[in-house]
Amino acid sequence: MKKVKPSDLEMQILSLLWERGPSTAREVLEAMPDGKERAYTSVLSVMQVMEKKGFLKHKNRGLAHVYSPAVDKGRVIQPFLRRVVNEVFGGRPAAMMQALLTGTQVSESELAEIRRVLDAAGDPKRSGKGELK
């Protein structure tokens, strides 16, 4: 069976739900990071399709459906990032990190977190599976 990959819009919705926790379609619409104008029914429709694909699940809260991810963040993001590293950066994670840091405002606390992650990545006692937050 072929693995289904989330579209760009589906990735935005998953990312929001991983960050914010369970949310209604209206809450997702109001929090979309790309700033595009979308109809509520469009977002709801995408989320319903995502549920059929197995990306989301829902519980009822009164008349509203409250959606949450049905997939683990690491299982979705790791293959996506590996593909970006390989296809865009020639298999060089350092080149991707450099491009990210060059084009982004990074606070001191973010830099400290990046250094902590890099130090853990170089630790031979590490299990090989970092946790994505």
N, C-alpha and C. Protein backbone atom coordinates (compact mmCIF):
# COMPACT_ATOMS: atom_id res chain seq x y z
N MET A 1 0.84 -1.19 0.00
CA MET A 1 0.00 0.00 0.00
C MET A 1 0.89 1.25 0.00
N LYS A 2 0.59 2.20 -0.87
CA LYS A 2 1.36 3.42 -0.99
C LYS A 2 1.07 4.37 0.18
N LYS A 3 2.16 4.96 0.72
CA LYS A 3 1.98 5.93 1.80
C LYS A 3 1.48 7.24 1.21
N VAL A 4 0.49 7.84 1.84
CA VAL A 4 -0.06 9.11 1.40
C VAL A 4 0.70 10.21 2.11
N LYS A 5 1.21 11.18 1.33
CA LYS A 5 1.93 12.31 1.91
C LYS A 5 0.99 13.50 2.01
N PRO A 6 1.07 14.24 3.11
CA PRO A 6 0.21 15.42 3.24
C PRO A 6 0.60 16.49 2.23
N SER A 7 -0.40 17.18 1.69
CA SER A 7 -0.16 18.33 0.80
C SER A 7 0.38 19.49 1.65
N ASP A 8 0.76 20.58 0.99
CA ASP A 8 1.24 21.75 1.72
C ASP A 8 0.19 22.27 2.71
N LEU A 9 -1.05 22.37 2.26
CA LEU A 9 -2.12 22.86 3.14
C LEU A 9 -2.36 21.88 4.28
N GLU A 10 -2.34 20.60 3.99
CA GLU A 10 -2.52 19.59 5.04
C GLU A 10 -1.38 19.66 6.05
N MET A 11 -0.15 19.92 5.59
CA MET A 11 0.98 20.07 6.51
C MET A 11 0.78 21.28 7.42
N GLN A 12 0.26 22.38 6.87
CA GLN A 12 -0.01 23.56 7.70
C GLN A 12 -1.02 23.22 8.79
N ILE A 13 -2.07 22.51 8.42
CA ILE A 13 -3.12 22.15 9.38
C ILE A 13 -2.56 21.20 10.43
N LEU A 14 -1.80 20.20 10.01
CA LEU A 14 -1.19 19.28 10.97
C LEU A 14 -0.27 20.04 11.93
N SER A 15 0.55 20.93 11.39
CA SER A 15 1.48 21.70 12.23
C SER A 15 0.73 22.52 13.27
N LEU A 16 -0.36 23.14 12.84
CA LEU A 16 -1.18 23.92 13.79
C LEU A 16 -1.72 23.03 14.90
N LEU A 17 -2.22 21.87 14.53
CA LEU A 17 -2.80 20.98 15.54
C LEU A 17 -1.74 20.39 16.45
N TRP A 18 -0.55 20.10 15.92
CA TRP A 18 0.54 19.62 16.78
C TRP A 18 0.93 20.72 17.78
N GLU A 19 0.93 21.96 17.33
CA GLU A 19 1.34 23.09 18.18
C GLU A 19 0.24 23.48 19.17
N ARG A 20 -0.98 23.64 18.69
CA ARG A 20 -2.08 24.18 19.50
C ARG A 20 -2.86 23.12 20.27
N GLY A 21 -2.84 21.91 19.75
CA GLY A 21 -3.67 20.87 20.34
C GLY A 21 -5.03 20.83 19.64
N PRO A 22 -5.95 20.01 20.13
CA PRO A 22 -7.24 19.82 19.48
C PRO A 22 -7.94 21.16 19.21
N SER A 23 -8.49 21.28 18.00
CA SER A 23 -9.11 22.54 17.56
C SER A 23 -10.24 22.26 16.59
N THR A 24 -11.16 23.19 16.53
CA THR A 24 -12.24 23.12 15.54
C THR A 24 -11.71 23.65 14.21
N ALA A 25 -12.46 23.41 13.15
CA ALA A 25 -12.08 23.93 11.83
C ALA A 25 -12.03 25.46 11.86
N ARG A 26 -12.94 26.10 12.57
CA ARG A 26 -12.93 27.57 12.66
C ARG A 26 -11.66 28.06 13.36
N GLU A 27 -11.27 27.39 14.44
CA GLU A 27 -10.05 27.78 15.14
C GLU A 27 -8.82 27.61 14.25
N VAL A 28 -8.80 26.53 13.46
CA VAL A 28 -7.70 26.31 12.53
C VAL A 28 -7.70 27.42 11.47
N LEU A 29 -8.85 27.72 10.92
CA LEU A 29 -8.96 28.79 9.91
C LEU A 29 -8.40 30.11 10.45
N GLU A 30 -8.76 30.46 11.66
CA GLU A 30 -8.32 31.74 12.25
C GLU A 30 -6.82 31.76 12.56
N ALA A 31 -6.20 30.59 12.70
CA ALA A 31 -4.78 30.52 13.07
C ALA A 31 -3.85 30.19 11.90
N MET A 32 -4.39 30.05 10.70
CA MET A 32 -3.55 29.66 9.55
C MET A 32 -2.41 30.65 9.38
N PRO A 33 -1.17 30.15 9.29
CA PRO A 33 -0.01 31.02 9.27
C PRO A 33 0.29 31.69 7.93
N ASP A 34 -0.27 31.20 6.84
CA ASP A 34 0.09 31.76 5.54
C ASP A 34 -0.68 33.02 5.18
N GLY A 35 -1.70 33.37 5.97
CA GLY A 35 -2.43 34.62 5.77
C GLY A 35 -3.37 34.64 4.57
N LYS A 36 -3.55 33.51 3.90
CA LYS A 36 -4.44 33.47 2.74
C LYS A 36 -5.90 33.50 3.18
N GLU A 37 -6.71 34.17 2.39
CA GLU A 37 -8.16 34.19 2.65
C GLU A 37 -8.73 32.84 2.24
N ARG A 38 -9.42 32.21 3.16
CA ARG A 38 -10.06 30.93 2.88
C ARG A 38 -11.45 30.94 3.49
N ALA A 39 -12.34 30.22 2.86
CA ALA A 39 -13.68 30.06 3.41
C ALA A 39 -13.64 28.97 4.48
N TYR A 40 -14.46 29.13 5.48
CA TYR A 40 -14.58 28.13 6.54
C TYR A 40 -14.87 26.76 5.94
N THR A 41 -15.80 26.72 4.98
CA THR A 41 -16.18 25.43 4.39
C THR A 41 -15.02 24.77 3.66
N SER A 42 -14.11 25.56 3.11
CA SER A 42 -12.93 25.00 2.43
C SER A 42 -12.02 24.30 3.44
N VAL A 43 -11.77 24.96 4.57
CA VAL A 43 -10.91 24.38 5.60
C VAL A 43 -11.57 23.14 6.18
N LEU A 44 -12.85 23.23 6.47
CA LEU A 44 -13.58 22.08 7.01
C LEU A 44 -13.50 20.91 6.04
N SER A 45 -13.70 21.16 4.76
CA SER A 45 -13.66 20.11 3.75
C SER A 45 -12.28 19.44 3.71
N VAL A 46 -11.22 20.24 3.74
CA VAL A 46 -9.86 19.69 3.74
C VAL A 46 -9.65 18.82 4.99
N MET A 47 -10.12 19.30 6.13
CA MET A 47 -9.94 18.54 7.37
C MET A 47 -10.74 17.23 7.34
N GLN A 48 -11.90 17.24 6.73
CA GLN A 48 -12.68 16.01 6.61
C GLN A 48 -11.97 15.00 5.70
N VAL A 49 -11.37 15.49 4.62
CA VAL A 49 -10.59 14.62 3.73
C VAL A 49 -9.37 14.08 4.47
N MET A 50 -8.73 14.93 5.27
CA MET A 50 -7.57 14.50 6.06
C MET A 50 -7.95 13.38 7.03
N GLU A 51 -9.15 13.47 7.56
CA GLU A 51 -9.62 12.42 8.47
C GLU A 51 -9.79 11.10 7.70
N LYS A 52 -10.33 11.18 6.49
CA LYS A 52 -10.49 9.98 5.67
C LYS A 52 -9.14 9.37 5.29
N LYS A 53 -8.12 10.23 5.12
CA LYS A 53 -6.77 9.76 4.79
C LYS A 53 -6.05 9.19 6.01
N GLY A 54 -6.59 9.44 7.20
CA GLY A 54 -5.98 8.94 8.42
C GLY A 54 -5.04 9.93 9.10
N PHE A 55 -5.01 11.18 8.65
CA PHE A 55 -4.15 12.20 9.26
C PHE A 55 -4.78 12.81 10.52
N LEU A 56 -6.11 12.89 10.55
CA LEU A 56 -6.81 13.51 11.67
C LEU A 56 -7.86 12.57 12.23
N LYS A 57 -8.28 12.87 13.45
CA LYS A 57 -9.43 12.22 14.08
C LYS A 57 -10.22 13.34 14.75
N HIS A 58 -11.46 13.05 15.11
CA HIS A 58 -12.25 14.09 15.77
C HIS A 58 -13.10 13.52 16.90
N LYS A 59 -13.44 14.43 17.80
CA LYS A 59 -14.43 14.17 18.86
C LYS A 59 -15.46 15.27 18.75
N ASN A 60 -16.66 14.98 19.21
CA ASN A 60 -17.72 15.99 19.19
C ASN A 60 -17.68 16.83 20.47
N ARG A 61 -17.82 18.13 20.28
CA ARG A 61 -17.99 19.06 21.40
C ARG A 61 -19.26 19.84 21.07
N GLY A 62 -20.36 19.39 21.62
CA GLY A 62 -21.64 19.97 21.23
C GLY A 62 -21.87 19.65 19.76
N LEU A 63 -22.14 20.69 18.97
CA LEU A 63 -22.34 20.50 17.53
C LEU A 63 -21.04 20.55 16.74
N ALA A 64 -19.97 21.01 17.37
CA ALA A 64 -18.69 21.17 16.67
C ALA A 64 -17.86 19.89 16.74
N HIS A 65 -17.10 19.65 15.68
CA HIS A 65 -16.09 18.60 15.68
C HIS A 65 -14.77 19.21 16.10
N VAL A 66 -14.11 18.59 17.04
CA VAL A 66 -12.79 19.04 17.50
C VAL A 66 -11.78 18.04 16.95
N TYR A 67 -10.89 18.54 16.09
CA TYR A 67 -9.94 17.68 15.39
C TYR A 67 -8.60 17.65 16.11
N SER A 68 -7.94 16.50 16.02
CA SER A 68 -6.58 16.35 16.55
C SER A 68 -5.81 15.44 15.59
N PRO A 69 -4.48 15.52 15.62
CA PRO A 69 -3.69 14.68 14.72
C PRO A 69 -3.86 13.20 15.06
N ALA A 70 -3.93 12.40 14.03
CA ALA A 70 -3.99 10.94 14.21
C ALA A 70 -2.65 10.32 13.82
N VAL A 71 -1.69 11.19 13.46
CA VAL A 71 -0.36 10.72 13.06
C VAL A 71 0.68 11.39 13.94
N ASP A 72 1.77 10.68 14.18
CA ASP A 72 2.87 11.18 14.99
C ASP A 72 3.67 12.21 14.19
N LYS A 73 4.01 13.29 14.84
CA LYS A 73 4.74 14.38 14.19
C LYS A 73 6.04 13.90 13.56
N GLY A 74 6.82 13.14 14.29
CA GLY A 74 8.10 12.65 13.78
C GLY A 74 7.96 11.77 12.55
N ARG A 75 6.93 10.95 12.52
CA ARG A 75 6.73 10.04 11.37
C ARG A 75 6.35 10.79 10.11
N VAL A 76 5.80 11.98 10.24
CA VAL A 76 5.44 12.79 9.07
C VAL A 76 6.59 13.73 8.69
N ILE A 77 7.17 14.39 9.69
CA ILE A 77 8.17 15.43 9.40
C ILE A 77 9.52 14.84 8.99
N GLN A 78 9.95 13.75 9.61
CA GLN A 78 11.27 13.20 9.27
C GLN A 78 11.40 12.85 7.78
N PRO A 79 10.47 12.11 7.18
CA PRO A 79 10.61 11.83 5.75
C PRO A 79 10.55 13.11 4.90
N PHE A 80 9.71 14.05 5.32
CA PHE A 80 9.60 15.32 4.60
C PHE A 80 10.94 16.07 4.62
N LEU A 81 11.56 16.16 5.79
CA LEU A 81 12.84 16.86 5.91
C LEU A 81 13.95 16.12 5.18
N ARG A 82 13.96 14.80 5.25
CA ARG A 82 14.97 14.02 4.51
C ARG A 82 14.85 14.29 3.02
N ARG A 83 13.62 14.38 2.53
CA ARG A 83 13.40 14.65 1.11
C ARG A 83 13.92 16.05 0.74
N VAL A 84 13.65 17.04 1.59
CA VAL A 84 14.14 18.40 1.34
C VAL A 84 15.67 18.42 1.35
N VAL A 85 16.29 17.79 2.34
CA VAL A 85 17.76 17.75 2.42
C VAL A 85 18.33 17.11 1.15
N ASN A 86 17.76 16.00 0.72
CA ASN A 86 18.28 15.29 -0.45
C ASN A 86 18.02 16.02 -1.76
N GLU A 87 16.80 16.50 -1.94
CA GLU A 87 16.41 17.08 -3.23
C GLU A 87 16.84 18.54 -3.39
N VAL A 88 16.90 19.29 -2.31
CA VAL A 88 17.20 20.71 -2.41
C VAL A 88 18.65 21.01 -2.02
N PHE A 89 19.17 20.29 -1.05
CA PHE A 89 20.49 20.60 -0.50
C PHE A 89 21.53 19.51 -0.77
N GLY A 90 21.29 18.67 -1.77
CA GLY A 90 22.27 17.67 -2.17
C GLY A 90 22.66 16.70 -1.07
N GLY A 91 21.74 16.43 -0.14
CA GLY A 91 22.02 15.49 0.93
C GLY A 91 22.86 16.08 2.06
N ARG A 92 23.00 17.41 2.09
CA ARG A 92 23.85 18.06 3.09
C ARG A 92 23.00 18.81 4.12
N PRO A 93 22.78 18.22 5.30
CA PRO A 93 21.99 18.88 6.34
C PRO A 93 22.57 20.25 6.74
N ALA A 94 23.91 20.37 6.75
CA ALA A 94 24.53 21.64 7.13
C ALA A 94 24.14 22.75 6.16
N ALA A 95 24.01 22.43 4.87
CA ALA A 95 23.61 23.43 3.89
C ALA A 95 22.17 23.89 4.15
N MET A 96 21.32 22.96 4.54
CA MET A 96 19.94 23.33 4.87
C MET A 96 19.90 24.22 6.11
N MET A 97 20.67 23.86 7.12
CA MET A 97 20.72 24.65 8.35
C MET A 97 21.24 26.06 8.06
N GLN A 98 22.28 26.14 7.23
CA GLN A 98 22.84 27.45 6.88
C GLN A 98 21.80 28.31 6.16
N ALA A 99 21.08 27.72 5.20
CA ALA A 99 20.06 28.46 4.46
C ALA A 99 18.95 28.92 5.41
N LEU A 100 18.57 28.08 6.33
CA LEU A 100 17.52 28.42 7.29
C LEU A 100 17.95 29.57 8.19
N LEU A 101 19.16 29.48 8.72
CA LEU A 101 19.63 30.50 9.66
C LEU A 101 19.98 31.82 8.96
N THR A 102 20.39 31.75 7.70
CA THR A 102 20.72 32.96 6.96
C THR A 102 19.48 33.79 6.67
N GLY A 103 18.37 33.13 6.39
CA GLY A 103 17.16 33.84 6.00
C GLY A 103 16.14 34.03 7.10
N THR A 104 16.54 33.82 8.36
CA THR A 104 15.57 33.85 9.45
C THR A 104 16.13 34.64 10.63
N GLN A 105 15.28 35.43 11.27
CA GLN A 105 15.66 36.09 12.52
C GLN A 105 15.63 35.02 13.61
N VAL A 106 16.76 34.85 14.30
CA VAL A 106 16.84 33.82 15.32
C VAL A 106 17.21 34.48 16.65
N SER A 107 16.38 34.25 17.66
CA SER A 107 16.63 34.82 18.99
C SER A 107 17.75 34.05 19.68
N GLU A 108 18.27 34.65 20.74
CA GLU A 108 19.31 33.98 21.53
C GLU A 108 18.79 32.67 22.13
N SER A 109 17.55 32.67 22.58
CA SER A 109 17.00 31.44 23.16
C SER A 109 16.85 30.35 22.09
N GLU A 110 16.48 30.74 20.86
CA GLU A 110 16.39 29.77 19.77
C GLU A 110 17.78 29.22 19.43
N LEU A 111 18.80 30.11 19.39
CA LEU A 111 20.16 29.66 19.12
C LEU A 111 20.64 28.69 20.20
N ALA A 112 20.30 28.97 21.45
CA ALA A 112 20.68 28.07 22.54
C ALA A 112 20.01 26.71 22.35
N GLU A 113 18.75 26.69 21.94
CA GLU A 113 18.05 25.43 21.70
C GLU A 113 18.68 24.68 20.53
N ILE A 114 19.05 25.40 19.47
CA ILE A 114 19.70 24.77 18.31
C ILE A 114 21.03 24.15 18.74
N ARG A 115 21.80 24.87 19.55
CA ARG A 115 23.07 24.34 20.04
C ARG A 115 22.85 23.07 20.88
N ARG A 116 21.80 23.07 21.71
CA ARG A 116 21.49 21.90 22.53
C ARG A 116 21.16 20.70 21.64
N VAL A 117 20.38 20.93 20.59
CA VAL A 117 20.01 19.85 19.68
C VAL A 117 21.24 19.33 18.94
N LEU A 118 22.11 20.25 18.49
CA LEU A 118 23.33 19.83 17.79
C LEU A 118 24.25 19.04 18.72
N ASP A 119 24.38 19.49 19.97
CA ASP A 119 25.21 18.76 20.93
C ASP A 119 24.66 17.36 21.16
N ALA A 120 23.35 17.25 21.28
CA ALA A 120 22.72 15.93 21.48
C ALA A 120 22.92 15.04 20.25
N ALA A 121 22.89 15.64 19.07
CA ALA A 121 23.07 14.86 17.84
C ALA A 121 24.47 14.27 17.76
N GLY A 122 25.46 14.94 18.36
CA GLY A 122 26.83 14.45 18.34
C GLY A 122 27.17 13.53 19.49
N ASP A 123 26.24 13.29 20.39
CA ASP A 123 26.47 12.45 21.57
C ASP A 123 26.36 10.98 21.18
N PRO A 124 27.44 10.20 21.34
CA PRO A 124 27.39 8.78 20.96
C PRO A 124 26.40 7.96 21.79
N LYS A 125 26.00 8.45 22.97
CA LYS A 125 25.04 7.73 23.82
C LYS A 125 23.60 7.92 23.33
N ARG A 126 23.42 8.86 22.43
CA ARG A 126 22.09 9.20 21.92
C ARG A 126 21.50 7.99 21.19
N SER A 127 20.20 7.80 21.31
CA SER A 127 19.54 6.64 20.73
C SER A 127 19.39 6.73 19.22
N GLY A 128 19.65 7.89 18.63
CA GLY A 128 19.50 8.03 17.19
C GLY A 128 18.16 8.59 16.77
N LYS A 129 17.27 8.74 17.73
CA LYS A 129 15.94 9.26 17.40
C LYS A 129 15.65 10.46 18.27
N GLY A 130 15.87 11.65 17.68
CA GLY A 130 15.57 12.87 18.41
C GLY A 130 14.08 13.12 18.44
N GLU A 131 13.63 13.80 19.44
CA GLU A 131 12.20 14.11 19.56
C GLU A 131 11.95 15.47 18.97
N LEU A 132 10.95 15.57 18.10
CA LEU A 132 10.56 16.85 17.53
C LEU A 132 9.54 17.50 18.43
N LYS A 133 9.77 18.76 18.72
CA LYS A 133 8.81 19.49 19.56
C LYS A 133 7.95 20.36 18.72
